Amino acid sequence: MDIRIVVNTMIELFLILVLGYGVAKLGIIDSETNKKLSALVVNVSMPALIIASVADNVGTGNLREVLSYLLWGTVFYGVMLLLAWLFTRLMGTPKNQRGTYQFMLIFSNCTFMGYPVMESIFGTEAIFFTSIFNIPFNLLAFSYGILLISKDGEGEARFEAKKLINPGIIASVLALLIFAFGLELPQVFQKTCSIVGNLTTPLSMLVLGASLSTVPIREIVREIRIYPMTLFRLIVLPVITYLLMRLVTDNTMLIGIAALTAAMPVASMSVMLSNQYKGNTKLASIGVFISTLCSVGTIPLVVELFARMEGL
């Protein structure tokens, strides 16, 4: 394991965020362009990434092992839902912010940052198993996640059942079918999905940076609940996850994927969906920014502690 890969990944992503902030301040990206880029990520590049992550690895691993990752991934997100609900109540979060805070606690940046971190520890096969573990992420984010985001939005942006039929859900269901039936997609289609999916990371960080350019620094500082949320997101959740997973399995990779998924900062998708569904984009942007900034230090620390405890 090379901890430098983890550190470099965090710095690279943060620099793209800073670039997004800069080009927005220069007027290259305005608010309307930012919303369109968000729609591009949510409706095109992210669905392509979901399909590519599974289609490129059809036939990898035995069925029993893969199903165990899917099962524990489902349990993991069930626990995250409960902990997020409890946290917002204990913190006395205002009703018009609870949905966004719950989203930020449930959904981490497990793809953009998670993949390179998992690969640096366990090798390339970890990317496939991480994608299987996080299939519930895709299903939940584009259904329950939209509900949470919409709760904090404007009156006309309230959640509607028809929003459940969206490119993210469709791509997630297709990915499940591709895996379940071992479907081999044409190479040209797989390659296209992979290329388009690879746009997700840079575009999402650019959108985040651009969104932050509209938030005064004083508002970032004054959003006091962000700081305990960030501590809980980056330190407490991975510790809880590690201890719970240690009770039920001795599979080091499964424990690592679960614990490190919990250690990732707030999913940048929170900003994309807030833009798309007129949610609290300001709060989501602050949450992603603060947690991403702090994760530059906390993720290498969590990775190092995990490696020492597991003897890697």
Protein backbone atom coordinates (compact mmCIF):
# COMPACT_ATOMS: atom_id res chain seq x y z
CA MET A 1 0.00 0.00 0.00
CA ASP A 2 1.31 3.43 -0.98
CA ILE A 3 -0.23 6.15 1.19
CA ARG A 4 1.06 8.76 -1.27
CA ILE A 5 -1.51 7.61 -3.83
CA VAL A 6 -4.28 8.39 -1.36
CA VAL A 7 -2.86 11.81 -0.47
CA ASN A 8 -2.31 12.71 -4.13
CA THR A 9 -5.87 11.71 -5.04
CA MET A 10 -7.29 13.96 -2.33
CA ILE A 11 -5.15 16.92 -3.40
CA GLU A 12 -5.99 16.45 -7.10
CA LEU A 13 -9.73 16.50 -6.45
CA PHE A 14 -9.47 19.50 -4.19
CA LEU A 15 -7.49 21.40 -6.85
CA ILE A 16 -10.24 20.71 -9.41
CA LEU A 17 -12.72 22.13 -6.89
CA VAL A 18 -10.57 25.26 -6.56
CA LEU A 19 -10.43 25.51 -10.37
CA GLY A 20 -14.24 25.43 -10.51
CA TYR A 21 -14.36 28.22 -7.94
CA GLY A 22 -11.90 30.28 -10.00
CA VAL A 23 -13.59 29.91 -13.39
CA ALA A 24 -16.95 30.83 -11.82
CA LYS A 25 -15.45 33.96 -10.28
CA LEU A 26 -14.04 34.85 -13.72
CA GLY A 27 -17.49 34.48 -15.24
CA ILE A 28 -16.60 31.47 -17.42
CA ILE A 29 -19.27 29.43 -15.63
CA ASP A 30 -22.44 31.27 -14.59
CA SER A 31 -25.31 29.92 -12.47
CA GLU A 32 -27.30 28.73 -15.49
CA THR A 33 -24.30 26.91 -16.96
CA ASN A 34 -23.64 25.35 -13.56
CA LYS A 35 -27.18 23.96 -13.40
CA LYS A 36 -26.83 22.51 -16.89
CA LEU A 37 -23.53 20.87 -15.97
CA SER A 38 -25.22 19.41 -12.89
CA ALA A 39 -27.96 17.99 -15.11
CA LEU A 40 -25.28 16.53 -17.38
CA VAL A 41 -23.65 14.74 -14.44
CA VAL A 42 -26.90 13.47 -12.91
CA ASN A 43 -28.59 12.40 -16.15
CA VAL A 44 -25.70 11.33 -18.39
CA SER A 45 -22.21 10.80 -16.95
CA MET A 46 -23.21 9.28 -13.59
CA PRO A 47 -25.59 6.70 -15.15
CA ALA A 48 -22.85 5.81 -17.65
CA LEU A 49 -20.38 5.33 -14.77
CA ILE A 50 -22.84 3.05 -12.93
CA ILE A 51 -23.23 0.79 -15.97
CA ALA A 52 -19.51 0.82 -16.79
CA SER A 53 -18.50 -0.14 -13.24
CA VAL A 54 -20.46 -3.40 -13.51
CA ALA A 55 -20.28 -4.12 -17.27
CA ASP A 56 -16.48 -3.99 -17.28
CA ASN A 57 -16.33 -6.65 -14.55
CA VAL A 58 -18.97 -9.22 -15.54
CA GLY A 59 -17.77 -12.65 -14.45
CA THR A 60 -15.41 -11.32 -11.76
CA GLY A 61 -15.52 -13.19 -8.44
CA ASN A 62 -17.71 -16.13 -7.46
CA LEU A 63 -21.44 -15.59 -7.04
CA ARG A 64 -21.52 -16.30 -3.31
CA GLU A 65 -18.77 -13.78 -2.58
CA VAL A 66 -20.36 -11.11 -4.75
CA LEU A 67 -23.78 -11.62 -3.17
CA SER A 68 -22.24 -11.25 0.29
CA TYR A 69 -20.86 -7.83 -0.73
CA LEU A 70 -24.26 -6.81 -2.06
CA LEU A 71 -25.99 -8.04 1.11
CA TRP A 72 -23.65 -6.22 3.47
CA GLY A 73 -23.80 -3.11 1.29
CA THR A 74 -27.58 -3.13 1.73
CA VAL A 75 -27.23 -3.56 5.51
CA PHE A 76 -24.59 -0.80 5.60
CA TYR A 77 -26.86 1.77 3.95
CA GLY A 78 -29.76 0.71 6.16
CA VAL A 79 -27.62 1.52 9.20
CA MET A 80 -26.53 4.84 7.62
CA LEU A 81 -30.18 5.84 7.19
CA LEU A 82 -30.83 5.22 10.88
CA LEU A 83 -27.69 7.00 12.12
CA ALA A 84 -28.36 10.01 9.88
CA TRP A 85 -31.93 10.29 11.17
CA LEU A 86 -30.73 10.09 14.79
CA PHE A 87 -27.94 12.63 14.25
CA THR A 88 -30.22 15.31 12.80
CA ARG A 89 -32.62 14.91 15.73
CA LEU A 90 -29.89 14.99 18.38
CA MET A 91 -28.32 18.07 16.77
CA GLY A 92 -31.65 19.90 16.68
CA THR A 93 -31.33 20.46 12.94
CA PRO A 94 -34.04 22.82 11.55
CA LYS A 95 -36.72 21.02 9.55
CA ASN A 96 -35.79 22.89 6.37
CA GLN A 97 -32.23 21.49 6.60
CA ARG A 98 -32.82 17.95 7.86
CA GLY A 99 -33.13 16.38 4.42
CA THR A 100 -29.82 17.82 3.21
CA TYR A 101 -27.98 16.90 6.41
CA GLN A 102 -29.32 13.35 6.26
CA PHE A 103 -28.25 13.06 2.63
CA MET A 104 -24.74 14.29 3.51
CA LEU A 105 -24.42 11.69 6.26
CA ILE A 106 -25.83 8.75 4.29
CA PHE A 107 -24.06 9.27 0.98
CA SER A 108 -20.30 9.62 0.75
CA ASN A 109 -17.96 10.29 -2.15
CA CYS A 110 -17.40 6.53 -2.38
CA THR A 111 -16.89 6.43 -6.14
CA PHE A 112 -14.72 9.41 -7.09
CA MET A 113 -12.45 9.15 -4.06
CA GLY A 114 -13.27 5.63 -2.94
CA TYR A 115 -12.12 3.74 -6.03
CA PRO A 116 -8.52 4.97 -6.07
CA VAL A 117 -8.24 4.54 -2.29
CA MET A 118 -9.55 0.95 -2.39
CA GLU A 119 -7.29 0.13 -5.34
CA SER A 120 -4.22 1.47 -3.55
CA ILE A 121 -4.86 -0.92 -0.63
CA PHE A 122 -6.39 -4.07 -2.17
CA GLY A 123 -5.52 -3.88 -5.88
CA THR A 124 -7.67 -3.51 -9.00
CA GLU A 125 -10.19 -6.23 -8.04
CA ALA A 126 -11.34 -3.99 -5.18
CA ILE A 127 -12.90 -1.58 -7.71
CA PHE A 128 -15.40 -4.23 -8.80
CA PHE A 129 -16.27 -5.30 -5.26
CA THR A 130 -16.60 -1.67 -4.20
CA SER A 131 -19.05 -1.10 -7.06
CA ILE A 132 -21.08 -4.15 -5.94
CA PHE A 133 -21.05 -3.00 -2.29
CA ASN A 134 -22.33 0.42 -3.37
CA ILE A 135 -25.14 -0.71 -5.70
CA PRO A 136 -27.63 0.22 -2.90
CA PHE A 137 -26.04 3.71 -2.95
CA ASN A 138 -27.17 4.24 -6.55
CA LEU A 139 -30.68 2.93 -5.92
CA LEU A 140 -31.12 4.99 -2.73
CA ALA A 141 -29.50 8.21 -3.95
CA PHE A 142 -31.79 8.49 -6.96
CA SER A 143 -34.92 7.66 -4.96
CA TYR A 144 -34.78 8.34 -1.21
CA GLY A 145 -31.93 10.81 -1.79
CA ILE A 146 -34.06 12.90 -4.14
CA LEU A 147 -36.84 12.82 -1.54
CA LEU A 148 -34.45 14.18 1.12
CA ILE A 149 -33.08 16.89 -1.18
CA SER A 150 -36.57 17.93 -2.31
CA LYS A 151 -37.76 18.30 1.29
CA ASP A 152 -35.43 21.26 1.78
CA GLY A 153 -36.30 22.87 -1.56
CA GLU A 154 -38.75 25.44 -2.76
CA GLY A 155 -42.46 24.70 -2.61
CA GLU A 156 -42.78 23.82 -6.28
CA ALA A 157 -39.83 21.44 -6.08
CA ARG A 158 -41.45 18.98 -3.66
CA PHE A 159 -40.83 15.32 -4.31
CA GLU A 160 -43.10 13.56 -6.80
CA ALA A 161 -43.29 9.81 -7.43
CA LYS A 162 -42.49 10.30 -11.12
CA LYS A 163 -39.03 11.51 -10.11
CA LEU A 164 -38.25 7.91 -9.21
CA ILE A 165 -38.12 7.19 -12.95
CA ASN A 166 -34.83 8.86 -13.76
CA PRO A 167 -31.58 7.96 -15.55
CA GLY A 168 -29.84 7.08 -12.27
CA ILE A 169 -32.46 4.52 -11.23
CA ILE A 170 -32.69 3.10 -14.76
CA ALA A 171 -28.89 2.72 -14.92
CA SER A 172 -28.82 1.06 -11.48
CA VAL A 173 -31.49 -1.48 -12.47
CA LEU A 174 -29.69 -2.18 -15.76
CA ALA A 175 -26.42 -2.69 -13.87
CA LEU A 176 -28.14 -5.21 -11.59
CA LEU A 177 -29.55 -7.09 -14.57
CA ILE A 178 -26.19 -7.07 -16.36
CA PHE A 179 -24.54 -8.56 -13.32
CA ALA A 180 -27.30 -11.01 -12.39
CA PHE A 181 -27.49 -12.54 -15.87
CA GLY A 182 -23.78 -12.19 -16.72
CA LEU A 183 -24.58 -10.15 -19.81
CA GLU A 184 -21.61 -9.32 -22.03
CA LEU A 185 -22.22 -5.91 -23.56
CA PRO A 186 -20.59 -4.98 -26.89
CA GLN A 187 -17.06 -3.71 -26.32
CA VAL A 188 -17.78 -0.43 -28.09
CA PHE A 189 -20.75 0.21 -25.76
CA GLN A 190 -18.71 -0.60 -22.65
CA LYS A 191 -15.92 1.71 -23.80
CA THR A 192 -18.38 4.52 -24.52
CA CYS A 193 -19.95 4.20 -21.05
CA SER A 194 -16.50 4.20 -19.48
CA ILE A 195 -15.36 7.32 -21.35
CA VAL A 196 -18.56 9.24 -20.58
CA GLY A 197 -18.56 7.98 -16.99
CA ASN A 198 -15.03 9.28 -16.49
CA LEU A 199 -16.39 12.81 -17.01
CA THR A 200 -18.26 12.51 -13.70
CA THR A 201 -15.38 13.23 -11.33
CA PRO A 202 -13.93 16.39 -12.94
CA LEU A 203 -17.34 17.79 -13.83
CA SER A 204 -18.78 17.23 -10.36
CA MET A 205 -15.84 18.92 -8.65
CA LEU A 206 -15.98 21.84 -11.09
CA VAL A 207 -19.71 22.26 -10.39
CA LEU A 208 -19.03 22.13 -6.66
CA GLY A 209 -16.36 24.80 -6.90
CA ALA A 210 -18.64 26.98 -9.03
CA SER A 211 -21.49 26.54 -6.55
CA LEU A 212 -19.22 27.59 -3.68
CA SER A 213 -18.30 30.80 -5.51
CA THR A 214 -21.81 32.11 -4.76
CA VAL A 215 -21.57 31.42 -1.02
CA PRO A 216 -20.04 34.21 1.10
CA ILE A 217 -17.15 33.01 3.29
CA ARG A 218 -18.95 34.26 6.41
CA GLU A 219 -21.88 31.91 5.68
CA ILE A 220 -19.50 28.95 5.44
CA VAL A 221 -18.08 29.84 8.86
CA ARG A 222 -21.50 30.46 10.43
CA GLU A 223 -22.99 27.10 9.42
CA ILE A 224 -21.96 25.63 12.78
CA ARG A 225 -23.72 22.26 12.38
CA ILE A 226 -21.45 21.44 9.44
CA TYR A 227 -18.49 20.93 11.77
CA PRO A 228 -19.94 18.22 14.06
CA MET A 229 -21.48 16.64 10.95
CA THR A 230 -18.04 16.55 9.32
CA LEU A 231 -16.45 15.02 12.42
CA PHE A 232 -19.19 12.40 12.54
CA ARG A 233 -18.94 11.76 8.77
CA LEU A 234 -15.14 11.42 8.58
CA ILE A 235 -14.14 9.91 11.94
CA VAL A 236 -17.05 8.48 13.94
CA LEU A 237 -18.85 6.67 11.09
CA PRO A 238 -15.78 4.74 9.85
CA VAL A 239 -14.95 3.69 13.44
CA ILE A 240 -18.51 2.47 14.05
CA THR A 241 -18.53 0.69 10.70
CA TYR A 242 -15.17 -0.99 11.29
CA LEU A 243 -16.20 -2.29 14.73
CA LEU A 244 -19.56 -3.59 13.49
CA MET A 245 -18.07 -5.29 10.43
CA ARG A 246 -15.39 -6.89 12.61
CA LEU A 247 -18.20 -8.60 14.55
CA VAL A 248 -19.75 -10.26 11.51
CA THR A 249 -16.89 -11.13 9.14
CA ASP A 250 -13.15 -11.68 8.91
CA ASN A 251 -13.04 -10.71 5.21
CA THR A 252 -10.42 -7.94 5.27
CA MET A 253 -11.42 -6.48 1.91
CA LEU A 254 -15.12 -6.35 2.84
CA ILE A 255 -14.31 -4.70 6.18
CA GLY A 256 -12.03 -2.21 4.44
CA ILE A 257 -14.51 -1.32 1.72
CA ALA A 258 -17.26 -0.71 4.30
CA ALA A 259 -15.08 1.29 6.71
CA LEU A 260 -13.41 3.40 4.02
CA THR A 261 -16.72 4.05 2.25
CA ALA A 262 -17.91 5.52 5.56
CA ALA A 263 -14.70 7.58 5.83
CA MET A 264 -15.20 9.44 2.54
CA PRO A 265 -16.42 13.06 2.51
CA VAL A 266 -19.93 14.11 1.57
CA ALA A 267 -20.97 12.96 -1.91
CA SER A 268 -20.61 15.76 -4.46
CA MET A 269 -23.86 14.36 -5.89
CA SER A 270 -25.62 16.28 -3.12
CA VAL A 271 -24.79 19.50 -4.98
CA MET A 272 -25.76 18.05 -8.38
CA LEU A 273 -29.15 16.86 -7.10
CA SER A 274 -29.74 20.11 -5.18
CA ASN A 275 -29.20 22.05 -8.39
CA GLN A 276 -31.39 19.64 -10.32
CA TYR A 277 -34.28 19.51 -7.83
CA LYS A 278 -34.02 23.03 -6.40
CA GLY A 279 -32.85 21.89 -2.99
CA ASN A 280 -30.58 23.67 -0.51
CA THR A 281 -27.58 23.97 -2.86
CA LYS A 282 -25.83 26.41 -0.54
CA LEU A 283 -25.86 24.04 2.43
CA ALA A 284 -24.90 21.05 0.28
CA SER A 285 -21.98 23.00 -1.24
CA ILE A 286 -20.69 24.03 2.20
CA GLY A 287 -20.96 20.44 3.45
CA VAL A 288 -19.06 18.98 0.50
CA PHE A 289 -16.41 21.71 0.65
CA ILE A 290 -15.69 21.44 4.40
CA SER A 291 -15.74 17.64 4.46
CA THR A 292 -13.57 17.38 1.33
CA LEU A 293 -11.06 19.86 2.74
CA CYS A 294 -10.85 17.99 6.04
CA SER A 295 -10.69 14.60 4.33
CA VAL A 296 -7.35 15.51 2.75
CA GLY A 297 -5.98 14.82 6.24
CA THR A 298 -8.47 12.35 7.71
CA ILE A 299 -8.61 9.78 4.89
CA PRO A 300 -4.85 9.07 4.88
CA LEU A 301 -5.08 8.81 8.69
CA VAL A 302 -8.00 6.35 8.56
CA VAL A 303 -6.29 4.33 5.80
CA GLU A 304 -3.08 4.12 7.81
CA LEU A 305 -4.92 3.06 10.99
CA PHE A 306 -6.90 0.44 9.11
CA ALA A 307 -3.75 -0.95 7.46
CA ARG A 308 -1.99 -1.21 10.83
CA MET A 309 -4.96 -2.90 12.53
CA GLU A 310 -5.34 -5.41 9.69
CA GLY A 311 -1.60 -5.95 9.26
CA LEU A 312 -1.51 -4.78 5.64
